[in-house]
Amino acid sequence: VSQSRYRDCRIDQAEQKIALDAPKVADWDKFASHETFINFRDAASKLGKTQKEFMDFLRTKYIYKNARQEYRAYAEYQIYFSLRPFSNNSIIGSQLMLTAGGLSFFDRLMNGEK
């Protein structure tokens, strides 16, 4: 009897965990099915915003430009961004991109989803 009660308790816990994780899973399916990082233009499009609207929003408190005029994330928001190296002819630099979690975070902020 106690084995059965223990098993039922574990099943209930697992079902609660699944219910809690459902929004995260939905976000992953919505935004990151095959993309690990996404640039700001594509992110804006996925969020139903123009690139200018999205960048203006990000500049309010999430990102800034460094001395080389490259975007960087403020420390407390770095988990939502990834700095990716790039080279274009003789130019070498870093491009700030959104992670799937960052896209999900900004979707909830900008579009009012919880």
PDB file of N, CA and C in Angstrom:
ATOM      1  N   VAL A   1       0.836  -1.194   0.000  1.00  0.00           N
ATOM      2  CA  VAL A   1       0.000   0.000   0.000  1.00  0.00           C
ATOM      3  C   VAL A   1       0.878   1.254   0.000  1.00  0.00           C
ATOM      4  N   SER A   2       1.916   1.281   0.831  1.00  0.00           N
ATOM      5  CA  SER A   2       2.789   2.457   0.876  1.00  0.00           C
ATOM      6  C   SER A   2       3.562   2.618  -0.433  1.00  0.00           C
ATOM      7  N   GLN A   3       3.902   1.509  -1.098  1.00  0.00           N
ATOM      8  CA  GLN A   3       4.558   1.579  -2.413  1.00  0.00           C
ATOM      9  C   GLN A   3       3.639   2.269  -3.420  1.00  0.00           C
ATOM     10  N   SER A   4       2.380   1.900  -3.393  1.00  0.00           N
ATOM     11  CA  SER A   4       1.402   2.474  -4.306  1.00  0.00           C
ATOM     12  C   SER A   4       1.208   3.959  -4.014  1.00  0.00           C
ATOM     13  N   ARG A   5       1.162   4.319  -2.753  1.00  0.00           N
ATOM     14  CA  ARG A   5       0.995   5.722  -2.364  1.00  0.00           C
ATOM     15  C   ARG A   5       2.221   6.540  -2.791  1.00  0.00           C
ATOM     16  N   TYR A   6       3.408   5.958  -2.604  1.00  0.00           N
ATOM     17  CA  TYR A   6       4.646   6.625  -3.009  1.00  0.00           C
ATOM     18  C   TYR A   6       4.659   6.854  -4.522  1.00  0.00           C
ATOM     19  N   ARG A   7       4.280   5.830  -5.277  1.00  0.00           N
ATOM     20  CA  ARG A   7       4.236   5.923  -6.742  1.00  0.00           C
ATOM     21  C   ARG A   7       3.242   7.002  -7.178  1.00  0.00           C
ATOM     22  N   ASP A   8       2.078   7.028  -6.566  1.00  0.00           N
ATOM     23  CA  ASP A   8       1.073   8.038  -6.901  1.00  0.00           C
ATOM     24  C   ASP A   8       1.582   9.448  -6.604  1.00  0.00           C
ATOM     25  N   CYS A   9       2.295   9.582  -5.494  1.00  0.00           N
ATOM     26  CA  CYS A   9       2.870  10.874  -5.120  1.00  0.00           C
ATOM     27  C   CYS A   9       3.899  11.319  -6.157  1.00  0.00           C
ATOM     28  N   ARG A  10       4.748  10.393  -6.593  1.00  0.00           N
ATOM     29  CA  ARG A  10       5.768  10.704  -7.608  1.00  0.00           C
ATOM     30  C   ARG A  10       5.113  11.079  -8.946  1.00  0.00           C
ATOM     31  N   ILE A  11       4.049  10.400  -9.292  1.00  0.00           N
ATOM     32  CA  ILE A  11       3.332  10.724 -10.534  1.00  0.00           C
ATOM     33  C   ILE A  11       2.743  12.128 -10.442  1.00  0.00           C
ATOM     34  N   ASP A  12       2.146  12.449  -9.297  1.00  0.00           N
ATOM     35  CA  ASP A  12       1.594  13.796  -9.100  1.00  0.00           C
ATOM     36  C   ASP A  12       2.683  14.856  -9.215  1.00  0.00           C
ATOM     37  N   GLN A  13       3.858  14.596  -8.621  1.00  0.00           N
ATOM     38  CA  GLN A  13       4.966  15.543  -8.702  1.00  0.00           C
ATOM     39  C   GLN A  13       5.421  15.726 -10.156  1.00  0.00           C
ATOM     40  N   ALA A  14       5.499  14.625 -10.876  1.00  0.00           N
ATOM     41  CA  ALA A  14       5.919  14.697 -12.277  1.00  0.00           C
ATOM     42  C   ALA A  14       4.905  15.481 -13.108  1.00  0.00           C
ATOM     43  N   GLU A  15       3.626  15.270 -12.866  1.00  0.00           N
ATOM     44  CA  GLU A  15       2.597  15.998 -13.602  1.00  0.00           C
ATOM     45  C   GLU A  15       2.638  17.498 -13.291  1.00  0.00           C
ATOM     46  N   GLN A  16       2.928  17.847 -12.042  1.00  0.00           N
ATOM     47  CA  GLN A  16       3.062  19.255 -11.669  1.00  0.00           C
ATOM     48  C   GLN A  16       4.267  19.881 -12.367  1.00  0.00           C
ATOM     49  N   LYS A  17       5.363  19.150 -12.439  1.00  0.00           N
ATOM     50  CA  LYS A  17       6.576  19.637 -13.104  1.00  0.00           C
ATOM     51  C   LYS A  17       6.304  19.847 -14.597  1.00  0.00           C
ATOM     52  N   ILE A  18       5.599  18.922 -15.202  1.00  0.00           N
ATOM     53  CA  ILE A  18       5.258  19.051 -16.624  1.00  0.00           C
ATOM     54  C   ILE A  18       4.407  20.295 -16.843  1.00  0.00           C
ATOM     55  N   ALA A  19       3.440  20.518 -15.976  1.00  0.00           N
ATOM     56  CA  ALA A  19       2.580  21.696 -16.097  1.00  0.00           C
ATOM     57  C   ALA A  19       3.388  22.993 -15.937  1.00  0.00           C
ATOM     58  N   LEU A  20       4.331  23.002 -14.995  1.00  0.00           N
ATOM     59  CA  LEU A  20       5.172  24.189 -14.795  1.00  0.00           C
ATOM     60  C   LEU A  20       6.088  24.442 -15.985  1.00  0.00           C
ATOM     61  N   ASP A  21       6.584  23.384 -16.599  1.00  0.00           N
ATOM     62  CA  ASP A  21       7.520  23.510 -17.712  1.00  0.00           C
ATOM     63  C   ASP A  21       6.838  23.756 -19.052  1.00  0.00           C
ATOM     64  N   ALA A  22       5.542  23.605 -19.121  1.00  0.00           N
ATOM     65  CA  ALA A  22       4.822  23.738 -20.392  1.00  0.00           C
ATOM     66  C   ALA A  22       5.086  25.074 -21.094  1.00  0.00           C
ATOM     67  N   PRO A  23       5.053  26.216 -20.386  1.00  0.00           N
ATOM     68  CA  PRO A  23       5.345  27.481 -21.090  1.00  0.00           C
ATOM     69  C   PRO A  23       6.758  27.532 -21.672  1.00  0.00           C
ATOM     70  N   LYS A  24       7.724  26.972 -20.948  1.00  0.00           N
ATOM     71  CA  LYS A  24       9.105  26.961 -21.450  1.00  0.00           C
ATOM     72  C   LYS A  24       9.208  26.103 -22.707  1.00  0.00           C
ATOM     73  N   VAL A  25       8.534  24.991 -22.690  1.00  0.00           N
ATOM     74  CA  VAL A  25       8.541  24.093 -23.848  1.00  0.00           C
ATOM     75  C   VAL A  25       7.882  24.781 -25.039  1.00  0.00           C
ATOM     76  N   ALA A  26       6.770  25.452 -24.789  1.00  0.00           N
ATOM     77  CA  ALA A  26       6.079  26.171 -25.862  1.00  0.00           C
ATOM     78  C   ALA A  26       6.973  27.263 -26.442  1.00  0.00           C
ATOM     79  N   ASP A  27       7.687  27.990 -25.573  1.00  0.00           N
ATOM     80  CA  ASP A  27       8.618  29.017 -26.045  1.00  0.00           C
ATOM     81  C   ASP A  27       9.698  28.405 -26.915  1.00  0.00           C
ATOM     82  N   TRP A  28      10.234  27.284 -26.484  1.00  0.00           N
ATOM     83  CA  TRP A  28      11.278  26.622 -27.264  1.00  0.00           C
ATOM     84  C   TRP A  28      10.742  26.229 -28.634  1.00  0.00           C
ATOM     85  N   ASP A  29       9.562  25.643 -28.651  1.00  0.00           N
ATOM     86  CA  ASP A  29       8.970  25.238 -29.925  1.00  0.00           C
ATOM     87  C   ASP A  29       8.691  26.444 -30.819  1.00  0.00           C
ATOM     88  N   LYS A  30       8.271  27.541 -30.211  1.00  0.00           N
ATOM     89  CA  LYS A  30       7.907  28.736 -30.967  1.00  0.00           C
ATOM     90  C   LYS A  30       9.123  29.428 -31.570  1.00  0.00           C
ATOM     91  N   PHE A  31      10.216  29.506 -30.798  1.00  0.00           N
ATOM     92  CA  PHE A  31      11.338  30.340 -31.213  1.00  0.00           C
ATOM     93  C   PHE A  31      12.609  29.596 -31.596  1.00  0.00           C
ATOM     94  N   ALA A  32      12.849  28.442 -31.062  1.00  0.00           N
ATOM     95  CA  ALA A  32      14.189  27.861 -31.189  1.00  0.00           C
ATOM     96  C   ALA A  32      14.186  26.469 -31.791  1.00  0.00           C
ATOM     97  N   SER A  33      13.249  26.188 -32.612  1.00  0.00           N
ATOM     98  CA  SER A  33      13.184  24.845 -33.149  1.00  0.00           C
ATOM     99  C   SER A  33      14.476  24.435 -33.852  1.00  0.00           C
ATOM    100  N   HIS A  34      15.137  25.363 -34.538  1.00  0.00           N
ATOM    101  CA  HIS A  34      16.394  25.009 -35.206  1.00  0.00           C
ATOM    102  C   HIS A  34      17.458  26.089 -35.061  1.00  0.00           C
ATOM    103  N   GLU A  35      17.158  27.158 -34.368  1.00  0.00           N
ATOM    104  CA  GLU A  35      18.099  28.268 -34.263  1.00  0.00           C
ATOM    105  C   GLU A  35      18.646  28.363 -32.845  1.00  0.00           C
ATOM    106  N   THR A  36      19.949  28.490 -32.737  1.00  0.00           N
ATOM    107  CA  THR A  36      20.552  28.658 -31.420  1.00  0.00           C
ATOM    108  C   THR A  36      20.639  30.136 -31.063  1.00  0.00           C
ATOM    109  N   PHE A  37      21.053  30.962 -32.009  1.00  0.00           N
ATOM    110  CA  PHE A  37      21.161  32.398 -31.802  1.00  0.00           C
ATOM    111  C   PHE A  37      20.433  33.106 -32.930  1.00  0.00           C
ATOM    112  N   ILE A  38      19.931  34.294 -32.639  1.00  0.00           N
ATOM    113  CA  ILE A  38      19.174  35.024 -33.653  1.00  0.00           C
ATOM    114  C   ILE A  38      19.593  36.495 -33.621  1.00  0.00           C
ATOM    115  N   ASN A  39      19.743  37.086 -34.806  1.00  0.00           N
ATOM    116  CA  ASN A  39      20.130  38.493 -34.863  1.00  0.00           C
ATOM    117  C   ASN A  39      18.926  39.379 -34.556  1.00  0.00           C
ATOM    118  N   PHE A  40      19.182  40.653 -34.317  1.00  0.00           N
ATOM    119  CA  PHE A  40      18.127  41.562 -33.883  1.00  0.00           C
ATOM    120  C   PHE A  40      17.058  41.782 -34.958  1.00  0.00           C
ATOM    121  N   ARG A  41      17.445  41.820 -36.213  1.00  0.00           N
ATOM    122  CA  ARG A  41      16.461  42.018 -37.284  1.00  0.00           C
ATOM    123  C   ARG A  41      15.485  40.854 -37.346  1.00  0.00           C
ATOM    124  N   ASP A  42      16.009  39.635 -37.333  1.00  0.00           N
ATOM    125  CA  ASP A  42      15.130  38.469 -37.381  1.00  0.00           C
ATOM    126  C   ASP A  42      14.291  38.348 -36.111  1.00  0.00           C
ATOM    127  N   ALA A  43      14.885  38.705 -34.975  1.00  0.00           N
ATOM    128  CA  ALA A  43      14.151  38.664 -33.709  1.00  0.00           C
ATOM    129  C   ALA A  43      12.982  39.641 -33.755  1.00  0.00           C
ATOM    130  N   ALA A  44      13.231  40.846 -34.233  1.00  0.00           N
ATOM    131  CA  ALA A  44      12.160  41.839 -34.325  1.00  0.00           C
ATOM    132  C   ALA A  44      11.018  41.322 -35.185  1.00  0.00           C
ATOM    133  N   SER A  45      11.364  40.711 -36.295  1.00  0.00           N
ATOM    134  CA  SER A  45      10.354  40.160 -37.185  1.00  0.00           C
ATOM    135  C   SER A  45       9.518  39.089 -36.484  1.00  0.00           C
ATOM    136  N   LYS A  46      10.178  38.198 -35.758  1.00  0.00           N
ATOM    137  CA  LYS A  46       9.461  37.143 -35.038  1.00  0.00           C
ATOM    138  C   LYS A  46       8.575  37.706 -33.936  1.00  0.00           C
ATOM    139  N   LEU A  47       8.958  38.868 -33.407  1.00  0.00           N
ATOM    140  CA  LEU A  47       8.183  39.493 -32.338  1.00  0.00           C
ATOM    141  C   LEU A  47       7.093  40.425 -32.873  1.00  0.00           C
ATOM    142  N   GLY A  48       7.022  40.541 -34.188  1.00  0.00           N
ATOM    143  CA  GLY A  48       6.001  41.402 -34.785  1.00  0.00           C
ATOM    144  C   GLY A  48       6.316  42.882 -34.657  1.00  0.00           C
ATOM    145  N   LYS A  49       7.598  43.219 -34.564  1.00  0.00           N
ATOM    146  CA  LYS A  49       8.043  44.607 -34.429  1.00  0.00           C
ATOM    147  C   LYS A  49       8.969  44.940 -35.590  1.00  0.00           C
ATOM    148  N   THR A  50       9.191  46.250 -35.797  1.00  0.00           N
ATOM    149  CA  THR A  50      10.223  46.628 -36.756  1.00  0.00           C
ATOM    150  C   THR A  50      11.566  46.532 -36.042  1.00  0.00           C
ATOM    151  N   GLN A  51      12.632  46.494 -36.815  1.00  0.00           N
ATOM    152  CA  GLN A  51      13.957  46.445 -36.194  1.00  0.00           C
ATOM    153  C   GLN A  51      14.193  47.693 -35.348  1.00  0.00           C
ATOM    154  N   LYS A  52      13.749  48.855 -35.826  1.00  0.00           N
ATOM    155  CA  LYS A  52      13.930  50.092 -35.067  1.00  0.00           C
ATOM    156  C   LYS A  52      13.181  50.048 -33.744  1.00  0.00           C
ATOM    157  N   GLU A  53      11.936  49.581 -33.764  1.00  0.00           N
ATOM    158  CA  GLU A  53      11.156  49.477 -32.520  1.00  0.00           C
ATOM    159  C   GLU A  53      11.854  48.560 -31.513  1.00  0.00           C
ATOM    160  N   PHE A  54      12.339  47.434 -32.010  1.00  0.00           N
ATOM    161  CA  PHE A  54      12.981  46.466 -31.126  1.00  0.00           C
ATOM    162  C   PHE A  54      14.291  47.024 -30.562  1.00  0.00           C
ATOM    163  N   MET A  55      15.097  47.641 -31.416  1.00  0.00           N
ATOM    164  CA  MET A  55      16.372  48.193 -30.956  1.00  0.00           C
ATOM    165  C   MET A  55      16.141  49.342 -29.968  1.00  0.00           C
ATOM    166  N   ASP A  56      15.163  50.192 -30.241  1.00  0.00           N
ATOM    167  CA  ASP A  56      14.848  51.275 -29.304  1.00  0.00           C
ATOM    168  C   ASP A  56      14.463  50.706 -27.949  1.00  0.00           C
ATOM    169  N   PHE A  57      13.673  49.645 -27.961  1.00  0.00           N
ATOM    170  CA  PHE A  57      13.270  48.992 -26.714  1.00  0.00           C
ATOM    171  C   PHE A  57      14.485  48.421 -25.984  1.00  0.00           C
ATOM    172  N   LEU A  58      15.353  47.714 -26.706  1.00  0.00           N
ATOM    173  CA  LEU A  58      16.531  47.105 -26.080  1.00  0.00           C
ATOM    174  C   LEU A  58      17.466  48.162 -25.496  1.00  0.00           C
ATOM    175  N   ARG A  59      17.603  49.284 -26.196  1.00  0.00           N
ATOM    176  CA  ARG A  59      18.507  50.342 -25.727  1.00  0.00           C
ATOM    177  C   ARG A  59      18.000  51.029 -24.457  1.00  0.00           C
ATOM    178  N   THR A  60      16.747  50.863 -24.101  1.00  0.00           N
ATOM    179  CA  THR A  60      16.233  51.517 -22.897  1.00  0.00           C
ATOM    180  C   THR A  60      16.950  51.042 -21.649  1.00  0.00           C
ATOM    181  N   LYS A  61      17.274  49.725 -21.561  1.00  0.00           N
ATOM    182  CA  LYS A  61      17.992  49.251 -20.368  1.00  0.00           C
ATOM    183  C   LYS A  61      18.685  47.901 -20.529  1.00  0.00           C
ATOM    184  N   TYR A  62      18.686  47.335 -21.722  1.00  0.00           N
ATOM    185  CA  TYR A  62      19.233  45.992 -21.897  1.00  0.00           C
ATOM    186  C   TYR A  62      20.578  45.961 -22.614  1.00  0.00           C
ATOM    187  N   ILE A  63      20.794  46.881 -23.552  1.00  0.00           N
ATOM    188  CA  ILE A  63      22.039  46.891 -24.324  1.00  0.00           C
ATOM    189  C   ILE A  63      22.589  48.312 -24.440  1.00  0.00           C
ATOM    190  N   TYR A  64      23.866  48.400 -24.794  1.00  0.00           N
ATOM    191  CA  TYR A  64      24.542  49.683 -25.014  1.00  0.00           C
ATOM    192  C   TYR A  64      25.604  49.474 -26.083  1.00  0.00           C
ATOM    193  N   LYS A  65      26.169  50.564 -26.583  1.00  0.00           N
ATOM    194  CA  LYS A  65      27.276  50.487 -27.533  1.00  0.00           C
ATOM    195  C   LYS A  65      28.576  50.779 -26.803  1.00  0.00           C
ATOM    196  N   ASN A  66      29.600  49.961 -27.069  1.00  0.00           N
ATOM    197  CA  ASN A  66      30.911  50.186 -26.459  1.00  0.00           C
ATOM    198  C   ASN A  66      31.691  51.213 -27.283  1.00  0.00           C
ATOM    199  N   ALA A  67      32.953  51.400 -26.928  1.00  0.00           N
ATOM    200  CA  ALA A  67      33.788  52.399 -27.605  1.00  0.00           C
ATOM    201  C   ALA A  67      33.968  52.092 -29.092  1.00  0.00           C
ATOM    202  N   ARG A  68      33.884  50.814 -29.454  1.00  0.00           N
ATOM    203  CA  ARG A  68      34.017  50.420 -30.873  1.00  0.00           C
ATOM    204  C   ARG A  68      32.673  50.445 -31.600  1.00  0.00           C
ATOM    205  N   GLN A  69      31.649  50.984 -30.911  1.00  0.00           N
ATOM    206  CA  GLN A  69      30.299  51.073 -31.472  1.00  0.00           C
ATOM    207  C   GLN A  69      29.668  49.698 -31.729  1.00  0.00           C
ATOM    208  N   GLU A  70      30.063  48.727 -30.917  1.00  0.00           N
ATOM    209  CA  GLU A  70      29.468  47.387 -30.978  1.00  0.00           C
ATOM    210  C   GLU A  70      28.507  47.248 -29.804  1.00  0.00           C
ATOM    211  N   TYR A  71      27.399  46.589 -30.060  1.00  0.00           N
ATOM    212  CA  TYR A  71      26.424  46.403 -28.985  1.00  0.00           C
ATOM    213  C   TYR A  71      26.918  45.394 -27.962  1.00  0.00           C
ATOM    214  N   ARG A  72      26.633  45.694 -26.710  1.00  0.00           N
ATOM    215  CA  ARG A  72      26.936  44.794 -25.592  1.00  0.00           C
ATOM    216  C   ARG A  72      25.720  44.784 -24.667  1.00  0.00           C
ATOM    217  N   ALA A  73      25.555  43.697 -23.935  1.00  0.00           N
ATOM    218  CA  ALA A  73      24.455  43.584 -22.979  1.00  0.00           C
ATOM    219  C   ALA A  73      24.926  44.037 -21.602  1.00  0.00           C
ATOM    220  N   TYR A  74      24.044  44.714 -20.883  1.00  0.00           N
ATOM    221  CA  TYR A  74      24.352  45.024 -19.487  1.00  0.00           C
ATOM    222  C   TYR A  74      24.445  43.715 -18.716  1.00  0.00           C
ATOM    223  N   ALA A  75      25.274  43.698 -17.697  1.00  0.00           N
ATOM    224  CA  ALA A  75      25.612  42.466 -16.978  1.00  0.00           C
ATOM    225  C   ALA A  75      24.397  41.672 -16.521  1.00  0.00           C
ATOM    226  N   GLU A  76      23.406  42.348 -15.964  1.00  0.00           N
ATOM    227  CA  GLU A  76      22.265  41.607 -15.417  1.00  0.00           C
ATOM    228  C   GLU A  76      21.394  40.959 -16.486  1.00  0.00           C
ATOM    229  N   TYR A  77      21.602  41.315 -17.764  1.00  0.00           N
ATOM    230  CA  TYR A  77      20.801  40.743 -18.850  1.00  0.00           C
ATOM    231  C   TYR A  77      21.624  39.873 -19.795  1.00  0.00           C
ATOM    232  N   GLN A  78      22.875  39.621 -19.467  1.00  0.00           N
ATOM    233  CA  GLN A  78      23.740  38.850 -20.367  1.00  0.00           C
ATOM    234  C   GLN A  78      23.228  37.437 -20.636  1.00  0.00           C
ATOM    235  N   ILE A  79      22.433  36.893 -19.743  1.00  0.00           N
ATOM    236  CA  ILE A  79      21.925  35.523 -19.969  1.00  0.00           C
ATOM    237  C   ILE A  79      21.014  35.446 -21.189  1.00  0.00           C
ATOM    238  N   TYR A  80      20.508  36.581 -21.657  1.00  0.00           N
ATOM    239  CA  TYR A  80      19.598  36.594 -22.801  1.00  0.00           C
ATOM    240  C   TYR A  80      20.314  36.834 -24.122  1.00  0.00           C
ATOM    241  N   PHE A  81      21.624  37.043 -24.070  1.00  0.00           N
ATOM    242  CA  PHE A  81      22.399  37.390 -25.259  1.00  0.00           C
ATOM    243  C   PHE A  81      23.625  36.502 -25.384  1.00  0.00           C
ATOM    244  N   SER A  82      24.174  36.476 -26.596  1.00  0.00           N
ATOM    245  CA  SER A  82      25.431  35.777 -26.839  1.00  0.00           C
ATOM    246  C   SER A  82      26.282  36.644 -27.747  1.00  0.00           C
ATOM    247  N   LEU A  83      27.547  36.754 -27.414  1.00  0.00           N
ATOM    248  CA  LEU A  83      28.485  37.533 -28.208  1.00  0.00           C
ATOM    249  C   LEU A  83      29.173  36.580 -29.185  1.00  0.00           C
ATOM    250  N   ARG A  84      28.958  36.792 -30.470  1.00  0.00           N
ATOM    251  CA  ARG A  84      29.480  35.893 -31.498  1.00  0.00           C
ATOM    252  C   ARG A  84      30.550  36.608 -32.314  1.00  0.00           C
ATOM    253  N   PRO A  85      31.720  36.009 -32.472  1.00  0.00           N
ATOM    254  CA  PRO A  85      32.768  36.634 -33.294  1.00  0.00           C
ATOM    255  C   PRO A  85      32.388  36.628 -34.775  1.00  0.00           C
ATOM    256  N   PHE A  86      32.846  37.630 -35.494  1.00  0.00           N
ATOM    257  CA  PHE A  86      32.635  37.661 -36.938  1.00  0.00           C
ATOM    258  C   PHE A  86      33.837  38.314 -37.609  1.00  0.00           C
ATOM    259  N   SER A  87      33.997  38.038 -38.875  1.00  0.00           N
ATOM    260  CA  SER A  87      34.998  38.745 -39.674  1.00  0.00           C
ATOM    261  C   SER A  87      34.386  39.011 -41.037  1.00  0.00           C
ATOM    262  N   ASN A  88      34.635  40.215 -41.526  1.00  0.00           N
ATOM    263  CA  ASN A  88      34.114  40.631 -42.818  1.00  0.00           C
ATOM    264  C   ASN A  88      35.257  41.350 -43.530  1.00  0.00           C
ATOM    265  N   ASN A  89      35.881  40.654 -44.457  1.00  0.00           N
ATOM    266  CA  ASN A  89      37.084  41.149 -45.125  1.00  0.00           C
ATOM    267  C   ASN A  89      38.152  41.437 -44.069  1.00  0.00           C
ATOM    268  N   SER A  90      38.517  42.706 -43.872  1.00  0.00           N
ATOM    269  CA  SER A  90      39.573  43.012 -42.908  1.00  0.00           C
ATOM    270  C   SER A  90      39.013  43.417 -41.543  1.00  0.00           C
ATOM    271  N   ILE A  91      37.700  43.390 -41.402  1.00  0.00           N
ATOM    272  CA  ILE A  91      37.073  43.795 -40.141  1.00  0.00           C
ATOM    273  C   ILE A  91      36.819  42.560 -39.279  1.00  0.00           C
ATOM    274  N   ILE A  92      37.314  42.631 -38.062  1.00  0.00           N
ATOM    275  CA  ILE A  92      37.081  41.557 -37.097  1.00  0.00           C
ATOM    276  C   ILE A  92      36.375  42.171 -35.898  1.00  0.00           C
ATOM    277  N   GLY A  93      35.311  41.530 -35.442  1.00  0.00           N
ATOM    278  CA  GLY A  93      34.574  42.085 -34.311  1.00  0.00           C
ATOM    279  C   GLY A  93      33.684  41.043 -33.674  1.00  0.00           C
ATOM    280  N   SER A  94      32.748  41.529 -32.902  1.00  0.00           N
ATOM    281  CA  SER A  94      31.792  40.662 -32.223  1.00  0.00           C
ATOM    282  C   SER A  94      30.387  41.182 -32.462  1.00  0.00           C
ATOM    283  N   GLN A  95      29.483  40.270 -32.687  1.00  0.00           N
ATOM    284  CA  GLN A  95      28.085  40.628 -32.897  1.00  0.00           C
ATOM    285  C   GLN A  95      27.265  40.104 -31.730  1.00  0.00           C
ATOM    286  N   LEU A  96      26.462  40.971 -31.139  1.00  0.00           N
ATOM    287  CA  LEU A  96      25.575  40.573 -30.059  1.00  0.00           C
ATOM    288  C   LEU A  96      24.316  39.970 -30.662  1.00  0.00           C
ATOM    289  N   MET A  97      23.971  38.781 -30.208  1.00  0.00           N
ATOM    290  CA  MET A  97      22.792  38.088 -30.722  1.00  0.00           C
ATOM    291  C   MET A  97      21.934  37.629 -29.545  1.00  0.00           C
ATOM    292  N   LEU A  98      20.687  37.358 -29.831  1.00  0.00           N
ATOM    293  CA  LEU A  98      19.781  36.849 -28.808  1.00  0.00           C
ATOM    294  C   LEU A  98      19.856  35.335 -28.727  1.00  0.00           C
ATOM    295  N   THR A  99      19.726  34.830 -27.516  1.00  0.00           N
ATOM    296  CA  THR A  99      19.557  33.384 -27.340  1.00  0.00           C
ATOM    297  C   THR A  99      18.071  33.074 -27.468  1.00  0.00           C
ATOM    298  N   ALA A 100      17.728  31.801 -27.552  1.00  0.00           N
ATOM    299  CA  ALA A 100      16.315  31.415 -27.596  1.00  0.00           C
ATOM    300  C   ALA A 100      15.601  31.890 -26.335  1.00  0.00           C
ATOM    301  N   GLY A 101      16.272  31.773 -25.191  1.00  0.00           N
ATOM    302  CA  GLY A 101      15.687  32.250 -23.939  1.00  0.00           C
ATOM    303  C   GLY A 101      15.484  33.752 -23.950  1.00  0.00           C
ATOM    304  N   GLY A 102      16.406  34.479 -24.580  1.00  0.00           N
ATOM    305  CA  GLY A 102      16.276  35.926 -24.693  1.00  0.00           C
ATOM    306  C   GLY A 102      15.098  36.313 -25.564  1.00  0.00           C
ATOM    307  N   LEU A 103      14.920  35.610 -26.664  1.00  0.00           N
ATOM    308  CA  LEU A 103      13.793  35.884 -27.544  1.00  0.00           C
ATOM    309  C   LEU A 103      12.473  35.647 -26.809  1.00  0.00           C
ATOM    310  N   SER A 104      12.423  34.576 -26.064  1.00  0.00           N
ATOM    311  CA  SER A 104      11.225  34.263 -25.277  1.00  0.00           C
ATOM    312  C   SER A 104      10.979  35.339 -24.220  1.00  0.00           C
ATOM    313  N   PHE A 105      12.045  35.758 -23.534  1.00  0.00           N
ATOM    314  CA  PHE A 105      11.943  36.787 -22.500  1.00  0.00           C
ATOM    315  C   PHE A 105      11.396  38.090 -23.082  1.00  0.00           C
ATOM    316  N   PHE A 106      11.949  38.537 -24.201  1.00  0.00           N
ATOM    317  CA  PHE A 106      11.510  39.797 -24.789  1.00  0.00           C
ATOM    318  C   PHE A 106      10.121  39.682 -25.431  1.00  0.00           C
ATOM    319  N   ASP A 107       9.766  38.505 -25.891  1.00  0.00           N
ATOM    320  CA  ASP A 107       8.407  38.302 -26.391  1.00  0.00           C
ATOM    321  C   ASP A 107       7.403  38.525 -25.263  1.00  0.00           C
ATOM    322  N   ARG A 108       7.671  37.951 -24.096  1.00  0.00           N
ATOM    323  CA  ARG A 108       6.759  38.134 -22.958  1.00  0.00           C
ATOM    324  C   ARG A 108       6.719  39.593 -22.522  1.00  0.00           C
ATOM    325  N   LEU A 109       7.859  40.265 -22.516  1.00  0.00           N
ATOM    326  CA  LEU A 109       7.902  41.673 -22.101  1.00  0.00           C
ATOM    327  C   LEU A 109       7.160  42.585 -23.079  1.00  0.00           C
ATOM    328  N   MET A 110       7.424  42.401 -24.360  1.00  0.00           N
ATOM    329  CA  MET A 110       6.902  43.329 -25.353  1.00  0.00           C
ATOM    330  C   MET A 110       5.469  43.020 -25.750  1.00  0.00           C
ATOM    331  N   ASN A 111       5.089  41.775 -25.696  1.00  0.00           N
ATOM    332  CA  ASN A 111       3.763  41.389 -26.168  1.00  0.00           C
ATOM    333  C   ASN A 111       2.822  41.026 -25.028  1.00  0.00           C
ATOM    334  N   GLY A 112       3.260  41.246 -23.804  1.00  0.00           N
ATOM    335  CA  GLY A 112       2.388  41.087 -22.661  1.00  0.00           C
ATOM    336  C   GLY A 112       2.035  39.674 -22.282  1.00  0.00           C
ATOM    337  N   GLU A 113       2.738  38.689 -22.820  1.00  0.00           N
ATOM    338  CA  GLU A 113       2.452  37.301 -22.462  1.00  0.00           C
ATOM    339  C   GLU A 113       3.151  36.964 -21.160  1.00  0.00           C
ATOM    340  N   LYS A 114       2.538  36.150 -20.359  1.00  0.00           N
ATOM    341  CA  LYS A 114       3.132  35.741 -19.088  1.00  0.00           C
ATOM    342  C   LYS A 114       3.634  34.320 -19.175  1.00  0.00           C
TER     343      LYS A 114
END
